[in-house]
Amino acid sequence: MSDFPTKNERTICWSNKDRYWECLDKHAPTHSTTSGEAEPSACAELRKAFEKSCPNQWVKHFDRKRSYELFKRRMEGGYDPLEKKTPKS
C-alpha cells in the first residue's frame, strides 16, 4: 500500500486487526506481539491477513498499542516493573 488507504481498505484493515486480536485473546491472552515470542498457530493466518490488509506503519502501531494495553492491565493488577516479583492473580 503506497497511498493512504480508502475508507473500504481502512475498514478491512481494522476488521482483520480485530479478528487477529480476538484470536490472541482466546488462545494467548498475554501474548505481546512486540516481545518476539511466537504467536499461537491458531492465529497465524489471521496475522497474515492483518499484515496484508494494513500499511506496515499501522501494523507496528497496532502491535505497540496491544502491548501497551496488556502492560497497563498488568499495572492495574498490581504489577510493578521495578520489582522482581509479580503479584499472584
PDB file of N, CA and C in Angstrom:
ATOM      1  N   MET A   1       0.846  -1.174   0.000  1.00  0.00           N
ATOM      2  CA  MET A   1       0.000   0.000   0.000  1.00  0.00           C
ATOM      3  C   MET A   1       0.891   1.238   0.000  1.00  0.00           C
ATOM      4  N   SER A   2       0.799   2.009  -1.014  1.00  0.00           N
ATOM      5  CA  SER A   2       1.630   3.205  -1.072  1.00  0.00           C
ATOM      6  C   SER A   2       0.823   4.467  -0.775  1.00  0.00           C
ATOM      7  N   ASP A   3      -0.404   4.520  -1.247  1.00  0.00           N
ATOM      8  CA  ASP A   3      -1.263   5.672  -0.985  1.00  0.00           C
ATOM      9  C   ASP A   3      -2.013   5.461   0.326  1.00  0.00           C
ATOM     10  N   PHE A   4      -2.587   6.562   0.825  1.00  0.00           N
ATOM     11  CA  PHE A   4      -3.397   6.443   2.030  1.00  0.00           C
ATOM     12  C   PHE A   4      -4.586   5.539   1.728  1.00  0.00           C
ATOM     13  N   PRO A   5      -4.880   4.583   2.612  1.00  0.00           N
ATOM     14  CA  PRO A   5      -5.976   3.642   2.368  1.00  0.00           C
ATOM     15  C   PRO A   5      -7.334   4.335   2.229  1.00  0.00           C
ATOM     16  N   THR A   6      -8.150   3.778   1.349  1.00  0.00           N
ATOM     17  CA  THR A   6      -9.517   4.267   1.180  1.00  0.00           C
ATOM     18  C   THR A   6     -10.339   3.865   2.402  1.00  0.00           C
ATOM     19  N   LYS A   7     -11.549   4.376   2.473  1.00  0.00           N
ATOM     20  CA  LYS A   7     -12.433   4.031   3.593  1.00  0.00           C
ATOM     21  C   LYS A   7     -12.651   2.523   3.645  1.00  0.00           C
ATOM     22  N   ASN A   8     -12.877   1.900   2.506  1.00  0.00           N
ATOM     23  CA  ASN A   8     -13.094   0.459   2.457  1.00  0.00           C
ATOM     24  C   ASN A   8     -11.837  -0.299   2.901  1.00  0.00           C
ATOM     25  N   GLU A   9     -10.673   0.139   2.448  1.00  0.00           N
ATOM     26  CA  GLU A   9      -9.419  -0.512   2.847  1.00  0.00           C
ATOM     27  C   GLU A   9      -9.170  -0.360   4.345  1.00  0.00           C
ATOM     28  N   ARG A  10      -9.496   0.802   4.891  1.00  0.00           N
ATOM     29  CA  ARG A  10      -9.345   1.006   6.335  1.00  0.00           C
ATOM     30  C   ARG A  10     -10.286   0.091   7.114  1.00  0.00           C
ATOM     31  N   THR A  11     -11.510  -0.051   6.617  1.00  0.00           N
ATOM     32  CA  THR A  11     -12.485  -0.933   7.269  1.00  0.00           C
ATOM     33  C   THR A  11     -11.982  -2.371   7.280  1.00  0.00           C
ATOM     34  N   ILE A  12     -11.431  -2.813   6.156  1.00  0.00           N
ATOM     35  CA  ILE A  12     -10.891  -4.174   6.062  1.00  0.00           C
ATOM     36  C   ILE A  12      -9.704  -4.339   7.010  1.00  0.00           C
ATOM     37  N   CYS A  13      -8.833  -3.346   7.030  1.00  0.00           N
ATOM     38  CA  CYS A  13      -7.668  -3.382   7.924  1.00  0.00           C
ATOM     39  C   CYS A  13      -8.118  -3.530   9.380  1.00  0.00           C
ATOM     40  N   TRP A  14      -9.005  -2.656   9.820  1.00  0.00           N
ATOM     41  CA  TRP A  14      -9.467  -2.691  11.210  1.00  0.00           C
ATOM     42  C   TRP A  14     -10.185  -4.001  11.525  1.00  0.00           C
ATOM     43  N   SER A  15     -10.960  -4.497  10.590  1.00  0.00           N
ATOM     44  CA  SER A  15     -11.665  -5.759  10.794  1.00  0.00           C
ATOM     45  C   SER A  15     -10.674  -6.909  10.971  1.00  0.00           C
ATOM     46  N   ASN A  16      -9.646  -6.942  10.123  1.00  0.00           N
ATOM     47  CA  ASN A  16      -8.637  -8.001  10.232  1.00  0.00           C
ATOM     48  C   ASN A  16      -7.831  -7.873  11.516  1.00  0.00           C
ATOM     49  N   LYS A  17      -7.546  -6.638  11.927  1.00  0.00           N
ATOM     50  CA  LYS A  17      -6.849  -6.421  13.201  1.00  0.00           C
ATOM     51  C   LYS A  17      -7.708  -6.923  14.354  1.00  0.00           C
ATOM     52  N   ASP A  18      -8.993  -6.590  14.333  1.00  0.00           N
ATOM     53  CA  ASP A  18      -9.900  -7.020  15.400  1.00  0.00           C
ATOM     54  C   ASP A  18     -10.012  -8.538  15.465  1.00  0.00           C
ATOM     55  N   ARG A  19     -10.114  -9.188  14.309  1.00  0.00           N
ATOM     56  CA  ARG A  19     -10.210 -10.655  14.277  1.00  0.00           C
ATOM     57  C   ARG A  19      -8.926 -11.290  14.816  1.00  0.00           C
ATOM     58  N   TYR A  20      -7.786 -10.727  14.462  1.00  0.00           N
ATOM     59  CA  TYR A  20      -6.500 -11.235  14.951  1.00  0.00           C
ATOM     60  C   TYR A  20      -6.402 -11.064  16.468  1.00  0.00           C
ATOM     61  N   TRP A  21      -6.756  -9.884  16.971  1.00  0.00           N
ATOM     62  CA  TRP A  21      -6.697  -9.649  18.413  1.00  0.00           C
ATOM     63  C   TRP A  21      -7.671 -10.552  19.165  1.00  0.00           C
ATOM     64  N   GLU A  22      -8.846 -10.793  18.601  1.00  0.00           N
ATOM     65  CA  GLU A  22      -9.806 -11.703  19.242  1.00  0.00           C
ATOM     66  C   GLU A  22      -9.215 -13.102  19.345  1.00  0.00           C
ATOM     67  N   CYS A  23      -8.516 -13.532  18.306  1.00  0.00           N
ATOM     68  CA  CYS A  23      -7.858 -14.836  18.323  1.00  0.00           C
ATOM     69  C   CYS A  23      -6.790 -14.875  19.419  1.00  0.00           C
ATOM     70  N   LEU A  24      -5.991 -13.822  19.505  1.00  0.00           N
ATOM     71  CA  LEU A  24      -4.973 -13.766  20.555  1.00  0.00           C
ATOM     72  C   LEU A  24      -5.622 -13.784  21.933  1.00  0.00           C
ATOM     73  N   ASP A  25      -6.700 -13.032  22.109  1.00  0.00           N
ATOM     74  CA  ASP A  25      -7.395 -13.010  23.400  1.00  0.00           C
ATOM     75  C   ASP A  25      -7.890 -14.397  23.786  1.00  0.00           C
ATOM     76  N   LYS A  26      -8.296 -15.166  22.796  1.00  0.00           N
ATOM     77  CA  LYS A  26      -8.815 -16.510  23.050  1.00  0.00           C
ATOM     78  C   LYS A  26      -7.692 -17.523  23.291  1.00  0.00           C
ATOM     79  N   HIS A  27      -6.643 -17.475  22.476  1.00  0.00           N
ATOM     80  CA  HIS A  27      -5.611 -18.513  22.506  1.00  0.00           C
ATOM     81  C   HIS A  27      -4.350 -18.137  23.282  1.00  0.00           C
ATOM     82  N   ALA A  28      -4.092 -16.863  23.453  1.00  0.00           N
ATOM     83  CA  ALA A  28      -2.891 -16.417  24.172  1.00  0.00           C
ATOM     84  C   ALA A  28      -3.116 -15.003  24.698  1.00  0.00           C
ATOM     85  N   PRO A  29      -3.958 -14.865  25.724  1.00  0.00           N
ATOM     86  CA  PRO A  29      -4.362 -13.538  26.188  1.00  0.00           C
ATOM     87  C   PRO A  29      -3.223 -12.631  26.645  1.00  0.00           C
ATOM     88  N   THR A  30      -2.088 -13.192  27.013  1.00  0.00           N
ATOM     89  CA  THR A  30      -0.970 -12.355  27.454  1.00  0.00           C
ATOM     90  C   THR A  30       0.094 -12.197  26.375  1.00  0.00           C
ATOM     91  N   HIS A  31      -0.189 -12.663  25.166  1.00  0.00           N
ATOM     92  CA  HIS A  31       0.788 -12.573  24.077  1.00  0.00           C
ATOM     93  C   HIS A  31       1.017 -11.123  23.678  1.00  0.00           C
ATOM     94  N   SER A  32       2.277 -10.744  23.658  1.00  0.00           N
ATOM     95  CA  SER A  32       2.661  -9.398  23.233  1.00  0.00           C
ATOM     96  C   SER A  32       3.372  -9.509  21.894  1.00  0.00           C
ATOM     97  N   THR A  33       2.812  -8.896  20.880  1.00  0.00           N
ATOM     98  CA  THR A  33       3.382  -9.006  19.541  1.00  0.00           C
ATOM     99  C   THR A  33       4.719  -8.295  19.415  1.00  0.00           C
ATOM    100  N   THR A  34       5.060  -7.446  20.363  1.00  0.00           N
ATOM    101  CA  THR A  34       6.342  -6.741  20.295  1.00  0.00           C
ATOM    102  C   THR A  34       7.432  -7.432  21.103  1.00  0.00           C
ATOM    103  N   SER A  35       7.115  -8.543  21.768  1.00  0.00           N
ATOM    104  CA  SER A  35       8.090  -9.216  22.629  1.00  0.00           C
ATOM    105  C   SER A  35       8.974 -10.197  21.879  1.00  0.00           C
ATOM    106  N   GLY A  36       8.586 -10.551  20.668  1.00  0.00           N
ATOM    107  CA  GLY A  36       9.361 -11.522  19.907  1.00  0.00           C
ATOM    108  C   GLY A  36       8.951 -12.960  20.177  1.00  0.00           C
ATOM    109  N   GLU A  37       8.014 -13.161  21.090  1.00  0.00           N
ATOM    110  CA  GLU A  37       7.565 -14.521  21.385  1.00  0.00           C
ATOM    111  C   GLU A  37       6.715 -15.044  20.227  1.00  0.00           C
ATOM    112  N   ALA A  38       6.728 -16.358  20.066  1.00  0.00           N
ATOM    113  CA  ALA A  38       5.968 -16.977  18.977  1.00  0.00           C
ATOM    114  C   ALA A  38       4.474 -16.797  19.218  1.00  0.00           C
ATOM    115  N   GLU A  39       3.769 -16.518  18.129  1.00  0.00           N
ATOM    116  CA  GLU A  39       2.323 -16.362  18.254  1.00  0.00           C
ATOM    117  C   GLU A  39       1.663 -17.735  18.159  1.00  0.00           C
ATOM    118  N   PRO A  40       0.458 -17.877  18.670  1.00  0.00           N
ATOM    119  CA  PRO A  40      -0.238 -19.156  18.577  1.00  0.00           C
ATOM    120  C   PRO A  40      -0.492 -19.520  17.114  1.00  0.00           C
ATOM    121  N   SER A  41      -0.308 -20.783  16.781  1.00  0.00           N
ATOM    122  CA  SER A  41      -0.504 -21.219  15.388  1.00  0.00           C
ATOM    123  C   SER A  41      -1.937 -20.983  14.930  1.00  0.00           C
ATOM    124  N   ALA A  42      -2.884 -21.010  15.862  1.00  0.00           N
ATOM    125  CA  ALA A  42      -4.290 -20.780  15.511  1.00  0.00           C
ATOM    126  C   ALA A  42      -4.518 -19.377  14.956  1.00  0.00           C
ATOM    127  N   CYS A  43      -3.608 -18.456  15.249  1.00  0.00           N
ATOM    128  CA  CYS A  43      -3.779 -17.059  14.832  1.00  0.00           C
ATOM    129  C   CYS A  43      -2.882 -16.664  13.660  1.00  0.00           C
ATOM    130  N   ALA A  44      -2.065 -17.578  13.172  1.00  0.00           N
ATOM    131  CA  ALA A  44      -1.074 -17.246  12.138  1.00  0.00           C
ATOM    132  C   ALA A  44      -1.713 -16.718  10.856  1.00  0.00           C
ATOM    133  N   GLU A  45      -2.773 -17.355  10.390  1.00  0.00           N
ATOM    134  CA  GLU A  45      -3.422 -16.901   9.151  1.00  0.00           C
ATOM    135  C   GLU A  45      -4.091 -15.540   9.336  1.00  0.00           C
ATOM    136  N   LEU A  46      -4.651 -15.319  10.513  1.00  0.00           N
ATOM    137  CA  LEU A  46      -5.266 -14.021  10.794  1.00  0.00           C
ATOM    138  C   LEU A  46      -4.204 -12.920  10.846  1.00  0.00           C
ATOM    139  N   ARG A  47      -3.026 -13.268  11.362  1.00  0.00           N
ATOM    140  CA  ARG A  47      -1.922 -12.297  11.389  1.00  0.00           C
ATOM    141  C   ARG A  47      -1.516 -11.930   9.956  1.00  0.00           C
ATOM    142  N   LYS A  48      -1.431 -12.933   9.089  1.00  0.00           N
ATOM    143  CA  LYS A  48      -1.069 -12.679   7.689  1.00  0.00           C
ATOM    144  C   LYS A  48      -2.090 -11.761   7.020  1.00  0.00           C
ATOM    145  N   ALA A  49      -3.371 -12.008   7.269  1.00  0.00           N
ATOM    146  CA  ALA A  49      -4.426 -11.170   6.688  1.00  0.00           C
ATOM    147  C   ALA A  49      -4.328  -9.744   7.228  1.00  0.00           C
ATOM    148  N   PHE A  50      -4.055  -9.617   8.513  1.00  0.00           N
ATOM    149  CA  PHE A  50      -3.885  -8.309   9.147  1.00  0.00           C
ATOM    150  C   PHE A  50      -2.723  -7.558   8.503  1.00  0.00           C
ATOM    151  N   GLU A  51      -1.575  -8.225   8.364  1.00  0.00           N
ATOM    152  CA  GLU A  51      -0.398  -7.581   7.772  1.00  0.00           C
ATOM    153  C   GLU A  51      -0.616  -7.226   6.305  1.00  0.00           C
ATOM    154  N   LYS A  52      -1.348  -8.074   5.598  1.00  0.00           N
ATOM    155  CA  LYS A  52      -1.580  -7.843   4.168  1.00  0.00           C
ATOM    156  C   LYS A  52      -2.545  -6.675   3.927  1.00  0.00           C
ATOM    157  N   SER A  53      -3.509  -6.509   4.813  1.00  0.00           N
ATOM    158  CA  SER A  53      -4.556  -5.504   4.587  1.00  0.00           C
ATOM    159  C   SER A  53      -4.253  -4.136   5.192  1.00  0.00           C
ATOM    160  N   CYS A  54      -3.219  -4.040   6.013  1.00  0.00           N
ATOM    161  CA  CYS A  54      -2.894  -2.775   6.676  1.00  0.00           C
ATOM    162  C   CYS A  54      -1.509  -2.277   6.262  1.00  0.00           C
ATOM    163  N   PRO A  55      -1.336  -0.964   6.193  1.00  0.00           N
ATOM    164  CA  PRO A  55       0.005  -0.422   5.947  1.00  0.00           C
ATOM    165  C   PRO A  55       0.964  -0.861   7.064  1.00  0.00           C
ATOM    166  N   ASN A  56       2.227  -1.061   6.728  1.00  0.00           N
ATOM    167  CA  ASN A  56       3.217  -1.524   7.714  1.00  0.00           C
ATOM    168  C   ASN A  56       3.251  -0.645   8.955  1.00  0.00           C
ATOM    169  N   GLN A  57       3.181   0.667   8.773  1.00  0.00           N
ATOM    170  CA  GLN A  57       3.214   1.586   9.904  1.00  0.00           C
ATOM    171  C   GLN A  57       2.026   1.349  10.827  1.00  0.00           C
ATOM    172  N   TRP A  58       0.879   1.020  10.267  1.00  0.00           N
ATOM    173  CA  TRP A  58      -0.306   0.753  11.079  1.00  0.00           C
ATOM    174  C   TRP A  58      -0.131  -0.543  11.859  1.00  0.00           C
ATOM    175  N   VAL A  59       0.439  -1.557  11.216  1.00  0.00           N
ATOM    176  CA  VAL A  59       0.669  -2.838  11.898  1.00  0.00           C
ATOM    177  C   VAL A  59       1.571  -2.601  13.108  1.00  0.00           C
ATOM    178  N   LYS A  60       2.652  -1.860  12.912  1.00  0.00           N
ATOM    179  CA  LYS A  60       3.559  -1.545  14.026  1.00  0.00           C
ATOM    180  C   LYS A  60       2.820  -0.791  15.125  1.00  0.00           C
ATOM    181  N   HIS A  61       2.006   0.178  14.731  1.00  0.00           N
ATOM    182  CA  HIS A  61       1.244   0.960  15.712  1.00  0.00           C
ATOM    183  C   HIS A  61       0.294   0.061  16.507  1.00  0.00           C
ATOM    184  N   PHE A  62      -0.467  -0.777  15.811  1.00  0.00           N
ATOM    185  CA  PHE A  62      -1.421  -1.651  16.498  1.00  0.00           C
ATOM    186  C   PHE A  62      -0.705  -2.653  17.399  1.00  0.00           C
ATOM    187  N   ASP A  63       0.455  -3.169  16.948  1.00  0.00           N
ATOM    188  CA  ASP A  63       1.232  -4.092  17.785  1.00  0.00           C
ATOM    189  C   ASP A  63       1.668  -3.404  19.076  1.00  0.00           C
ATOM    190  N   ARG A  64       2.173  -2.186  18.953  1.00  0.00           N
ATOM    191  CA  ARG A  64       2.593  -1.435  20.148  1.00  0.00           C
ATOM    192  C   ARG A  64       1.399  -1.119  21.046  1.00  0.00           C
ATOM    193  N   LYS A  65       0.278  -0.792  20.428  1.00  0.00           N
ATOM    194  CA  LYS A  65      -0.936  -0.472  21.186  1.00  0.00           C
ATOM    195  C   LYS A  65      -1.380  -1.674  22.014  1.00  0.00           C
ATOM    196  N   ARG A  66      -1.387  -2.852  21.407  1.00  0.00           N
ATOM    197  CA  ARG A  66      -1.787  -4.056  22.139  1.00  0.00           C
ATOM    198  C   ARG A  66      -0.819  -4.324  23.293  1.00  0.00           C
ATOM    199  N   SER A  67       0.476  -4.210  23.028  1.00  0.00           N
ATOM    200  CA  SER A  67       1.471  -4.439  24.080  1.00  0.00           C
ATOM    201  C   SER A  67       1.280  -3.459  25.233  1.00  0.00           C
ATOM    202  N   TYR A  68       1.014  -2.204  24.902  1.00  0.00           N
ATOM    203  CA  TYR A  68       0.807  -1.197  25.941  1.00  0.00           C
ATOM    204  C   TYR A  68      -0.459  -1.498  26.742  1.00  0.00           C
ATOM    205  N   GLU A  69      -1.526  -1.901  26.062  1.00  0.00           N
ATOM    206  CA  GLU A  69      -2.772  -2.218  26.766  1.00  0.00           C
ATOM    207  C   GLU A  69      -2.575  -3.401  27.713  1.00  0.00           C
ATOM    208  N   LEU A  70      -1.806  -4.409  27.289  1.00  0.00           N
ATOM    209  CA  LEU A  70      -1.514  -5.542  28.168  1.00  0.00           C
ATOM    210  C   LEU A  70      -0.699  -5.083  29.378  1.00  0.00           C
ATOM    211  N   PHE A  71       0.294  -4.242  29.138  1.00  0.00           N
ATOM    212  CA  PHE A  71       1.125  -3.707  30.219  1.00  0.00           C
ATOM    213  C   PHE A  71       0.274  -2.906  31.199  1.00  0.00           C
ATOM    214  N   LYS A  72      -0.614  -2.086  30.672  1.00  0.00           N
ATOM    215  CA  LYS A  72      -1.493  -1.264  31.510  1.00  0.00           C
ATOM    216  C   LYS A  72      -2.376  -2.147  32.402  1.00  0.00           C
ATOM    217  N   ARG A  73      -2.918  -3.224  31.825  1.00  0.00           N
ATOM    218  CA  ARG A  73      -3.748  -4.150  32.620  1.00  0.00           C
ATOM    219  C   ARG A  73      -2.936  -4.780  33.747  1.00  0.00           C
ATOM    220  N   ARG A  74      -1.689  -5.161  33.431  1.00  0.00           N
ATOM    221  CA  ARG A  74      -0.828  -5.746  34.460  1.00  0.00           C
ATOM    222  C   ARG A  74      -0.568  -4.730  35.570  1.00  0.00           C
ATOM    223  N   MET A  75      -0.326  -3.476  35.199  1.00  0.00           N
ATOM    224  CA  MET A  75      -0.079  -2.429  36.196  1.00  0.00           C
ATOM    225  C   MET A  75      -1.310  -2.229  37.077  1.00  0.00           C
ATOM    226  N   GLU A  76      -2.494  -2.245  36.468  1.00  0.00           N
ATOM    227  CA  GLU A  76      -3.733  -2.092  37.230  1.00  0.00           C
ATOM    228  C   GLU A  76      -3.932  -3.259  38.186  1.00  0.00           C
ATOM    229  N   GLY A  77      -3.362  -4.415  37.843  1.00  0.00           N
ATOM    230  CA  GLY A  77      -3.461  -5.590  38.698  1.00  0.00           C
ATOM    231  C   GLY A  77      -2.401  -5.644  39.786  1.00  0.00           C
ATOM    232  N   GLY A  78      -1.582  -4.609  39.871  1.00  0.00           N
ATOM    233  CA  GLY A  78      -0.588  -4.553  40.933  1.00  0.00           C
ATOM    234  C   GLY A  78       0.833  -4.827  40.493  1.00  0.00           C
ATOM    235  N   TYR A  79       1.047  -5.083  39.222  1.00  0.00           N
ATOM    236  CA  TYR A  79       2.399  -5.337  38.728  1.00  0.00           C
ATOM    237  C   TYR A  79       3.240  -4.076  38.852  1.00  0.00           C
ATOM    238  N   ASP A  80       4.445  -4.242  39.376  1.00  0.00           N
ATOM    239  CA  ASP A  80       5.388  -3.129  39.469  1.00  0.00           C
ATOM    240  C   ASP A  80       6.631  -3.525  38.684  1.00  0.00           C
ATOM    241  N   PRO A  81       6.895  -2.874  37.562  1.00  0.00           N
ATOM    242  CA  PRO A  81       8.030  -3.270  36.732  1.00  0.00           C
ATOM    243  C   PRO A  81       9.384  -3.082  37.418  1.00  0.00           C
ATOM    244  N   LEU A  82       9.421  -2.329  38.508  1.00  0.00           N
ATOM    245  CA  LEU A  82      10.673  -2.122  39.222  1.00  0.00           C
ATOM    246  C   LEU A  82      10.937  -3.216  40.249  1.00  0.00           C
ATOM    247  N   GLU A  83       9.920  -4.024  40.523  1.00  0.00           N
ATOM    248  CA  GLU A  83      10.081  -5.139  41.451  1.00  0.00           C
ATOM    249  C   GLU A  83      10.266  -6.421  40.664  1.00  0.00           C
ATOM    250  N   LYS A  84      10.982  -7.357  41.240  1.00  0.00           N
ATOM    251  CA  LYS A  84      11.232  -8.639  40.571  1.00  0.00           C
ATOM    252  C   LYS A  84      10.019  -9.557  40.637  1.00  0.00           C
ATOM    253  N   LYS A  85       9.241  -9.433  41.705  1.00  0.00           N
ATOM    254  CA  LYS A  85       8.106 -10.332  41.911  1.00  0.00           C
ATOM    255  C   LYS A  85       6.863  -9.800  41.217  1.00  0.00           C
ATOM    256  N   THR A  86       6.070 -10.721  40.677  1.00  0.00           N
ATOM    257  CA  THR A  86       4.799 -10.381  40.055  1.00  0.00           C
ATOM    258  C   THR A  86       3.694 -10.824  41.000  1.00  0.00           C
ATOM    259  N   PRO A  87       2.690  -9.977  41.263  1.00  0.00           N
ATOM    260  CA  PRO A  87       1.602 -10.384  42.162  1.00  0.00           C
ATOM    261  C   PRO A  87       0.846 -11.571  41.595  1.00  0.00           C
ATOM    262  N   LYS A  88       0.375 -12.415  42.484  1.00  0.00           N
ATOM    263  CA  LYS A  88      -0.395 -13.581  42.047  1.00  0.00           C
ATOM    264  C   LYS A  88      -1.805 -13.153  41.713  1.00  0.00           C
ATOM    265  N   SER A  89      -2.298 -13.669  40.583  1.00  0.00           N
ATOM    266  CA  SER A  89      -3.652 -13.306  40.138  1.00  0.00           C
ATOM    267  C   SER A  89      -4.676 -14.207  40.745  1.00  0.00           C
TER     268      SER A  89
END
